[in-house]
Amino acid sequence: MARDIKKIDAKGRLFVPTRQRDTFGDTVVVTNSLDRGYLCVYTEDRFDRIKEDTKSWNAVDAKTRVIKRAILGEALYTKIDSQGRIAVSNELWEKIGAKPGDEICIFDEDDKLEICTKAFYDNENHDLSELAGMESQYYVSSL
Protein backbone atom coordinates (compact mmCIF):
# COMPACT_ATOMS: atom_id res chain seq x y z
CA MET A 1 0.00 0.00 0.00
CA ALA A 2 1.55 3.29 -1.09
CA ARG A 3 0.92 6.66 0.51
CA ASP A 4 0.62 9.95 -1.37
CA ILE A 5 0.24 13.38 0.19
CA LYS A 6 -1.96 15.82 -1.74
CA LYS A 7 -3.82 19.05 -1.02
CA ILE A 8 -7.55 19.58 -1.28
CA ASP A 9 -8.12 22.35 -3.82
CA ALA A 10 -10.31 25.42 -3.26
CA LYS A 11 -13.36 23.61 -4.70
CA GLY A 12 -12.97 20.54 -2.47
CA ARG A 13 -11.41 18.36 -5.16
CA LEU A 14 -8.46 16.05 -4.92
CA PHE A 15 -6.19 14.49 -7.50
CA VAL A 16 -6.47 10.73 -7.86
CA PRO A 17 -2.94 9.33 -7.95
CA THR A 18 -1.90 8.71 -11.56
CA ARG A 19 -1.33 4.99 -11.04
CA GLN A 20 -5.02 4.54 -10.03
CA ARG A 21 -6.71 6.49 -12.81
CA ASP A 22 -6.81 3.59 -15.25
CA THR A 23 -8.01 1.18 -12.55
CA PHE A 24 -10.75 3.51 -11.36
CA GLY A 25 -12.38 4.32 -14.70
CA ASP A 26 -14.57 7.41 -15.14
CA THR A 27 -16.71 7.21 -12.00
CA VAL A 28 -15.77 6.48 -8.39
CA VAL A 29 -17.70 6.24 -5.14
CA VAL A 30 -16.57 8.28 -2.13
CA THR A 31 -17.97 7.38 1.27
CA ASN A 32 -17.21 6.96 4.95
CA SER A 33 -14.75 4.35 6.09
CA LEU A 34 -15.19 1.86 8.88
CA ASP A 35 -12.22 3.60 10.48
CA ARG A 36 -12.69 6.90 12.29
CA GLY A 37 -11.01 9.80 10.49
CA TYR A 38 -10.98 8.18 7.05
CA LEU A 39 -12.94 8.28 3.81
CA CYS A 40 -12.82 5.58 1.14
CA VAL A 41 -12.85 5.94 -2.62
CA TYR A 42 -14.02 2.81 -4.43
CA THR A 43 -14.34 1.73 -8.03
CA GLU A 44 -17.99 1.27 -8.97
CA ASP A 45 -17.45 -2.50 -9.23
CA ARG A 46 -16.00 -2.78 -5.74
CA PHE A 47 -18.77 -0.62 -4.29
CA ASP A 48 -21.37 -2.82 -6.01
CA ARG A 49 -19.77 -5.83 -4.27
CA ILE A 50 -20.02 -4.02 -0.92
CA LYS A 51 -23.71 -3.33 -1.50
CA GLU A 52 -24.26 -6.96 -2.44
CA ASP A 53 -22.35 -8.22 0.63
CA THR A 54 -24.39 -6.07 3.01
CA LYS A 55 -27.65 -7.60 1.78
CA SER A 56 -26.82 -10.75 3.75
CA TRP A 57 -26.26 -8.87 7.02
CA ASN A 58 -28.81 -9.11 9.82
CA ALA A 59 -31.11 -6.08 9.28
CA VAL A 60 -32.43 -6.39 12.84
CA ASP A 61 -28.99 -5.70 14.29
CA ALA A 62 -28.58 -1.99 15.14
CA LYS A 63 -24.86 -2.01 14.26
CA THR A 64 -25.67 -3.33 10.79
CA ARG A 65 -28.11 -0.49 10.19
CA VAL A 66 -25.59 2.12 11.38
CA ILE A 67 -22.87 0.74 9.11
CA LYS A 68 -25.22 0.57 6.13
CA ARG A 69 -26.35 4.17 6.64
CA ALA A 70 -22.78 5.40 7.09
CA ILE A 71 -21.28 3.52 4.13
CA LEU A 72 -24.13 3.10 1.65
CA GLY A 73 -26.29 6.04 2.67
CA GLU A 74 -23.48 8.60 2.55
CA ALA A 75 -22.00 7.34 -0.74
CA LEU A 76 -21.23 9.97 -3.37
CA TYR A 77 -20.83 8.90 -7.00
CA THR A 78 -18.47 11.31 -8.72
CA LYS A 79 -16.68 11.52 -12.07
CA ILE A 80 -12.93 11.77 -12.46
CA ASP A 81 -12.43 14.92 -14.52
CA SER A 82 -10.02 15.31 -17.44
CA GLN A 83 -7.31 16.50 -15.04
CA GLY A 84 -7.66 13.47 -12.77
CA ARG A 85 -9.58 15.19 -9.97
CA ILE A 86 -12.66 14.08 -8.07
CA ALA A 87 -15.06 16.38 -6.28
CA VAL A 88 -15.85 15.43 -2.68
CA SER A 89 -18.80 16.99 -0.86
CA ASN A 90 -18.20 19.37 2.02
CA GLU A 91 -20.23 17.01 4.22
CA LEU A 92 -17.83 14.13 3.60
CA TRP A 93 -14.76 16.33 4.07
CA GLU A 94 -16.25 17.55 7.37
CA LYS A 95 -16.63 13.93 8.54
CA ILE A 96 -12.83 13.69 8.63
CA GLY A 97 -12.17 17.29 9.67
CA ALA A 98 -10.81 18.34 6.27
CA LYS A 99 -11.26 21.57 4.35
CA PRO A 100 -9.87 23.14 1.16
CA GLY A 101 -6.13 23.72 1.41
CA ASP A 102 -5.56 20.89 3.88
CA GLU A 103 -3.00 18.21 3.18
CA ILE A 104 -4.41 14.73 2.99
CA CYS A 105 -2.84 11.29 2.93
CA ILE A 106 -4.05 8.90 0.25
CA PHE A 107 -3.40 5.18 0.66
CA ASP A 108 -4.04 3.01 -2.38
CA GLU A 109 -5.22 -0.59 -2.41
CA ASP A 110 -5.68 -1.24 -6.13
CA ASP A 111 -9.43 -0.57 -6.52
CA LYS A 112 -9.83 1.38 -3.27
CA LEU A 113 -8.26 4.51 -1.78
CA GLU A 114 -8.29 5.45 1.90
CA ILE A 115 -8.06 9.16 2.70
CA CYS A 116 -7.40 11.03 5.92
CA THR A 117 -5.97 14.41 6.79
CA LYS A 118 -2.20 14.50 7.18
CA ALA A 119 -2.68 16.01 10.63
CA PHE A 120 -4.88 13.08 11.67
CA TYR A 121 -2.42 10.52 10.30
CA ASP A 122 0.54 12.22 11.98
CA ASN A 123 -1.29 12.04 15.33
CA GLU A 124 -2.52 8.46 14.91
CA ASN A 125 -0.94 5.72 16.98
CA HIS A 126 1.01 3.48 14.57
CA ASP A 127 2.12 0.95 17.19
CA LEU A 128 1.12 -2.33 15.57
CA SER A 129 1.70 -4.38 18.71
CA GLU A 130 -1.66 -3.14 20.02
CA LEU A 131 -3.44 -4.84 17.11
CA ALA A 132 -2.25 -8.36 17.91
CA GLY A 133 -5.19 -10.67 18.49
CA MET A 134 -7.86 -8.14 17.54
CA GLU A 135 -10.77 -9.45 15.50
CA SER A 136 -13.45 -7.44 13.76
CA GLN A 137 -17.07 -8.13 14.65
CA TYR A 138 -17.92 -7.59 10.99
CA TYR A 139 -15.86 -8.96 8.17
CA VAL A 140 -16.72 -8.00 4.66
CA SER A 141 -14.13 -9.02 2.12
CA SER A 142 -15.12 -6.23 -0.28
CA LEU A 143 -14.69 -3.41 2.27
C-alpha atoms as a PDB file:
ATOM      1  CA  MET A   1       0.000   0.000   0.000  1.00  0.00           C
ATOM      2  CA  ALA A   2       1.546   3.286  -1.094  1.00  0.00           C
ATOM      3  CA  ARG A   3       0.923   6.661   0.506  1.00  0.00           C
ATOM      4  CA  ASP A   4       0.621   9.949  -1.366  1.00  0.00           C
ATOM      5  CA  ILE A   5       0.238  13.383   0.186  1.00  0.00           C
ATOM      6  CA  LYS A   6      -1.958  15.820  -1.743  1.00  0.00           C
ATOM      7  CA  LYS A   7      -3.824  19.052  -1.025  1.00  0.00           C
ATOM      8  CA  ILE A   8      -7.550  19.576  -1.282  1.00  0.00           C
ATOM      9  CA  ASP A   9      -8.118  22.353  -3.817  1.00  0.00           C
ATOM     10  CA  ALA A  10     -10.312  25.420  -3.256  1.00  0.00           C
ATOM     11  CA  LYS A  11     -13.356  23.611  -4.705  1.00  0.00           C
ATOM     12  CA  GLY A  12     -12.975  20.537  -2.471  1.00  0.00           C
ATOM     13  CA  ARG A  13     -11.411  18.364  -5.163  1.00  0.00           C
ATOM     14  CA  LEU A  14      -8.456  16.050  -4.922  1.00  0.00           C
ATOM     15  CA  PHE A  15      -6.192  14.491  -7.501  1.00  0.00           C
ATOM     16  CA  VAL A  16      -6.471  10.732  -7.859  1.00  0.00           C
ATOM     17  CA  PRO A  17      -2.942   9.327  -7.954  1.00  0.00           C
ATOM     18  CA  THR A  18      -1.902   8.710 -11.560  1.00  0.00           C
ATOM     19  CA  ARG A  19      -1.334   4.992 -11.038  1.00  0.00           C
ATOM     20  CA  GLN A  20      -5.018   4.542 -10.027  1.00  0.00           C
ATOM     21  CA  ARG A  21      -6.713   6.494 -12.806  1.00  0.00           C
ATOM     22  CA  ASP A  22      -6.814   3.590 -15.249  1.00  0.00           C
ATOM     23  CA  THR A  23      -8.011   1.176 -12.546  1.00  0.00           C
ATOM     24  CA  PHE A  24     -10.754   3.509 -11.364  1.00  0.00           C
ATOM     25  CA  GLY A  25     -12.384   4.322 -14.703  1.00  0.00           C
ATOM     26  CA  ASP A  26     -14.565   7.415 -15.140  1.00  0.00           C
ATOM     27  CA  THR A  27     -16.712   7.210 -11.999  1.00  0.00           C
ATOM     28  CA  VAL A  28     -15.773   6.478  -8.389  1.00  0.00           C
ATOM     29  CA  VAL A  29     -17.699   6.240  -5.142  1.00  0.00           C
ATOM     30  CA  VAL A  30     -16.571   8.278  -2.127  1.00  0.00           C
ATOM     31  CA  THR A  31     -17.975   7.377   1.271  1.00  0.00           C
ATOM     32  CA  ASN A  32     -17.215   6.961   4.954  1.00  0.00           C
ATOM     33  CA  SER A  33     -14.748   4.353   6.092  1.00  0.00           C
ATOM     34  CA  LEU A  34     -15.194   1.856   8.881  1.00  0.00           C
ATOM     35  CA  ASP A  35     -12.216   3.596  10.482  1.00  0.00           C
ATOM     36  CA  ARG A  36     -12.690   6.900  12.289  1.00  0.00           C
ATOM     37  CA  GLY A  37     -11.005   9.801  10.495  1.00  0.00           C
ATOM     38  CA  TYR A  38     -10.978   8.180   7.050  1.00  0.00           C
ATOM     39  CA  LEU A  39     -12.944   8.280   3.812  1.00  0.00           C
ATOM     40  CA  CYS A  40     -12.821   5.579   1.145  1.00  0.00           C
ATOM     41  CA  VAL A  41     -12.852   5.937  -2.619  1.00  0.00           C
ATOM     42  CA  TYR A  42     -14.015   2.806  -4.432  1.00  0.00           C
ATOM     43  CA  THR A  43     -14.343   1.727  -8.028  1.00  0.00           C
ATOM     44  CA  GLU A  44     -17.987   1.266  -8.975  1.00  0.00           C
ATOM     45  CA  ASP A  45     -17.446  -2.501  -9.234  1.00  0.00           C
ATOM     46  CA  ARG A  46     -15.998  -2.780  -5.741  1.00  0.00           C
ATOM     47  CA  PHE A  47     -18.770  -0.622  -4.287  1.00  0.00           C
ATOM     48  CA  ASP A  48     -21.372  -2.816  -6.009  1.00  0.00           C
ATOM     49  CA  ARG A  49     -19.769  -5.833  -4.269  1.00  0.00           C
ATOM     50  CA  ILE A  50     -20.017  -4.021  -0.923  1.00  0.00           C
ATOM     51  CA  LYS A  51     -23.713  -3.327  -1.498  1.00  0.00           C
ATOM     52  CA  GLU A  52     -24.260  -6.961  -2.439  1.00  0.00           C
ATOM     53  CA  ASP A  53     -22.345  -8.220   0.633  1.00  0.00           C
ATOM     54  CA  THR A  54     -24.389  -6.069   3.009  1.00  0.00           C
ATOM     55  CA  LYS A  55     -27.654  -7.602   1.776  1.00  0.00           C
ATOM     56  CA  SER A  56     -26.822 -10.746   3.754  1.00  0.00           C
ATOM     57  CA  TRP A  57     -26.261  -8.874   7.021  1.00  0.00           C
ATOM     58  CA  ASN A  58     -28.812  -9.112   9.820  1.00  0.00           C
ATOM     59  CA  ALA A  59     -31.108  -6.084   9.282  1.00  0.00           C
ATOM     60  CA  VAL A  60     -32.434  -6.395  12.840  1.00  0.00           C
ATOM     61  CA  ASP A  61     -28.993  -5.696  14.294  1.00  0.00           C
ATOM     62  CA  ALA A  62     -28.578  -1.987  15.139  1.00  0.00           C
ATOM     63  CA  LYS A  63     -24.855  -2.010  14.262  1.00  0.00           C
ATOM     64  CA  THR A  64     -25.669  -3.328  10.791  1.00  0.00           C
ATOM     65  CA  ARG A  65     -28.112  -0.486  10.191  1.00  0.00           C
ATOM     66  CA  VAL A  66     -25.590   2.115  11.384  1.00  0.00           C
ATOM     67  CA  ILE A  67     -22.869   0.742   9.114  1.00  0.00           C
ATOM     68  CA  LYS A  68     -25.221   0.575   6.126  1.00  0.00           C
ATOM     69  CA  ARG A  69     -26.352   4.170   6.637  1.00  0.00           C
ATOM     70  CA  ALA A  70     -22.781   5.401   7.094  1.00  0.00           C
ATOM     71  CA  ILE A  71     -21.279   3.515   4.133  1.00  0.00           C
ATOM     72  CA  LEU A  72     -24.131   3.099   1.647  1.00  0.00           C
ATOM     73  CA  GLY A  73     -26.293   6.044   2.668  1.00  0.00           C
ATOM     74  CA  GLU A  74     -23.478   8.605   2.549  1.00  0.00           C
ATOM     75  CA  ALA A  75     -21.995   7.345  -0.739  1.00  0.00           C
ATOM     76  CA  LEU A  76     -21.232   9.973  -3.370  1.00  0.00           C
ATOM     77  CA  TYR A  77     -20.831   8.896  -6.998  1.00  0.00           C
ATOM     78  CA  THR A  78     -18.472  11.307  -8.725  1.00  0.00           C
ATOM     79  CA  LYS A  79     -16.682  11.521 -12.066  1.00  0.00           C
ATOM     80  CA  ILE A  80     -12.928  11.774 -12.456  1.00  0.00           C
ATOM     81  CA  ASP A  81     -12.435  14.923 -14.520  1.00  0.00           C
ATOM     82  CA  SER A  82     -10.022  15.312 -17.443  1.00  0.00           C
ATOM     83  CA  GLN A  83      -7.307  16.504 -15.040  1.00  0.00           C
ATOM     84  CA  GLY A  84      -7.661  13.473 -12.772  1.00  0.00           C
ATOM     85  CA  ARG A  85      -9.580  15.193  -9.967  1.00  0.00           C
ATOM     86  CA  ILE A  86     -12.659  14.082  -8.067  1.00  0.00           C
ATOM     87  CA  ALA A  87     -15.057  16.378  -6.275  1.00  0.00           C
ATOM     88  CA  VAL A  88     -15.847  15.427  -2.684  1.00  0.00           C
ATOM     89  CA  SER A  89     -18.801  16.986  -0.863  1.00  0.00           C
ATOM     90  CA  ASN A  90     -18.203  19.372   2.025  1.00  0.00           C
ATOM     91  CA  GLU A  91     -20.229  17.014   4.220  1.00  0.00           C
ATOM     92  CA  LEU A  92     -17.833  14.129   3.600  1.00  0.00           C
ATOM     93  CA  TRP A  93     -14.762  16.329   4.075  1.00  0.00           C
ATOM     94  CA  GLU A  94     -16.254  17.551   7.367  1.00  0.00           C
ATOM     95  CA  LYS A  95     -16.626  13.927   8.539  1.00  0.00           C
ATOM     96  CA  ILE A  96     -12.826  13.688   8.632  1.00  0.00           C
ATOM     97  CA  GLY A  97     -12.167  17.289   9.667  1.00  0.00           C
ATOM     98  CA  ALA A  98     -10.813  18.341   6.267  1.00  0.00           C
ATOM     99  CA  LYS A  99     -11.255  21.571   4.347  1.00  0.00           C
ATOM    100  CA  PRO A 100      -9.866  23.145   1.157  1.00  0.00           C
ATOM    101  CA  GLY A 101      -6.135  23.722   1.405  1.00  0.00           C
ATOM    102  CA  ASP A 102      -5.564  20.887   3.883  1.00  0.00           C
ATOM    103  CA  GLU A 103      -3.002  18.215   3.177  1.00  0.00           C
ATOM    104  CA  ILE A 104      -4.414  14.730   2.986  1.00  0.00           C
ATOM    105  CA  CYS A 105      -2.843  11.285   2.930  1.00  0.00           C
ATOM    106  CA  ILE A 106      -4.050   8.898   0.251  1.00  0.00           C
ATOM    107  CA  PHE A 107      -3.399   5.180   0.657  1.00  0.00           C
ATOM    108  CA  ASP A 108      -4.045   3.009  -2.376  1.00  0.00           C
ATOM    109  CA  GLU A 109      -5.217  -0.593  -2.411  1.00  0.00           C
ATOM    110  CA  ASP A 110      -5.681  -1.244  -6.133  1.00  0.00           C
ATOM    111  CA  ASP A 111      -9.434  -0.568  -6.519  1.00  0.00           C
ATOM    112  CA  LYS A 112      -9.832   1.381  -3.265  1.00  0.00           C
ATOM    113  CA  LEU A 113      -8.265   4.511  -1.779  1.00  0.00           C
ATOM    114  CA  GLU A 114      -8.292   5.446   1.898  1.00  0.00           C
ATOM    115  CA  ILE A 115      -8.061   9.157   2.696  1.00  0.00           C
ATOM    116  CA  CYS A 116      -7.395  11.030   5.923  1.00  0.00           C
ATOM    117  CA  THR A 117      -5.968  14.413   6.793  1.00  0.00           C
ATOM    118  CA  LYS A 118      -2.203  14.498   7.181  1.00  0.00           C
ATOM    119  CA  ALA A 119      -2.682  16.013  10.635  1.00  0.00           C
ATOM    120  CA  PHE A 120      -4.884  13.080  11.666  1.00  0.00           C
ATOM    121  CA  TYR A 121      -2.416  10.522  10.295  1.00  0.00           C
ATOM    122  CA  ASP A 122       0.540  12.218  11.981  1.00  0.00           C
ATOM    123  CA  ASN A 123      -1.291  12.038  15.332  1.00  0.00           C
ATOM    124  CA  GLU A 124      -2.524   8.463  14.905  1.00  0.00           C
ATOM    125  CA  ASN A 125      -0.945   5.715  16.976  1.00  0.00           C
ATOM    126  CA  HIS A 126       1.010   3.484  14.571  1.00  0.00           C
ATOM    127  CA  ASP A 127       2.122   0.947  17.194  1.00  0.00           C
ATOM    128  CA  LEU A 128       1.117  -2.326  15.565  1.00  0.00           C
ATOM    129  CA  SER A 129       1.704  -4.377  18.708  1.00  0.00           C
ATOM    130  CA  GLU A 130      -1.662  -3.144  20.022  1.00  0.00           C
ATOM    131  CA  LEU A 131      -3.443  -4.841  17.113  1.00  0.00           C
ATOM    132  CA  ALA A 132      -2.254  -8.362  17.914  1.00  0.00           C
ATOM    133  CA  GLY A 133      -5.194 -10.675  18.491  1.00  0.00           C
ATOM    134  CA  MET A 134      -7.860  -8.137  17.536  1.00  0.00           C
ATOM    135  CA  GLU A 135     -10.768  -9.454  15.498  1.00  0.00           C
ATOM    136  CA  SER A 136     -13.446  -7.441  13.764  1.00  0.00           C
ATOM    137  CA  GLN A 137     -17.069  -8.131  14.646  1.00  0.00           C
ATOM    138  CA  TYR A 138     -17.922  -7.590  10.986  1.00  0.00           C
ATOM    139  CA  TYR A 139     -15.862  -8.962   8.170  1.00  0.00           C
ATOM    140  CA  VAL A 140     -16.716  -7.995   4.657  1.00  0.00           C
ATOM    141  CA  SER A 141     -14.127  -9.024   2.117  1.00  0.00           C
ATOM    142  CA  SER A 142     -15.123  -6.232  -0.278  1.00  0.00           C
ATOM    143  CA  LEU A 143     -14.685  -3.413   2.271  1.00  0.00           C
END
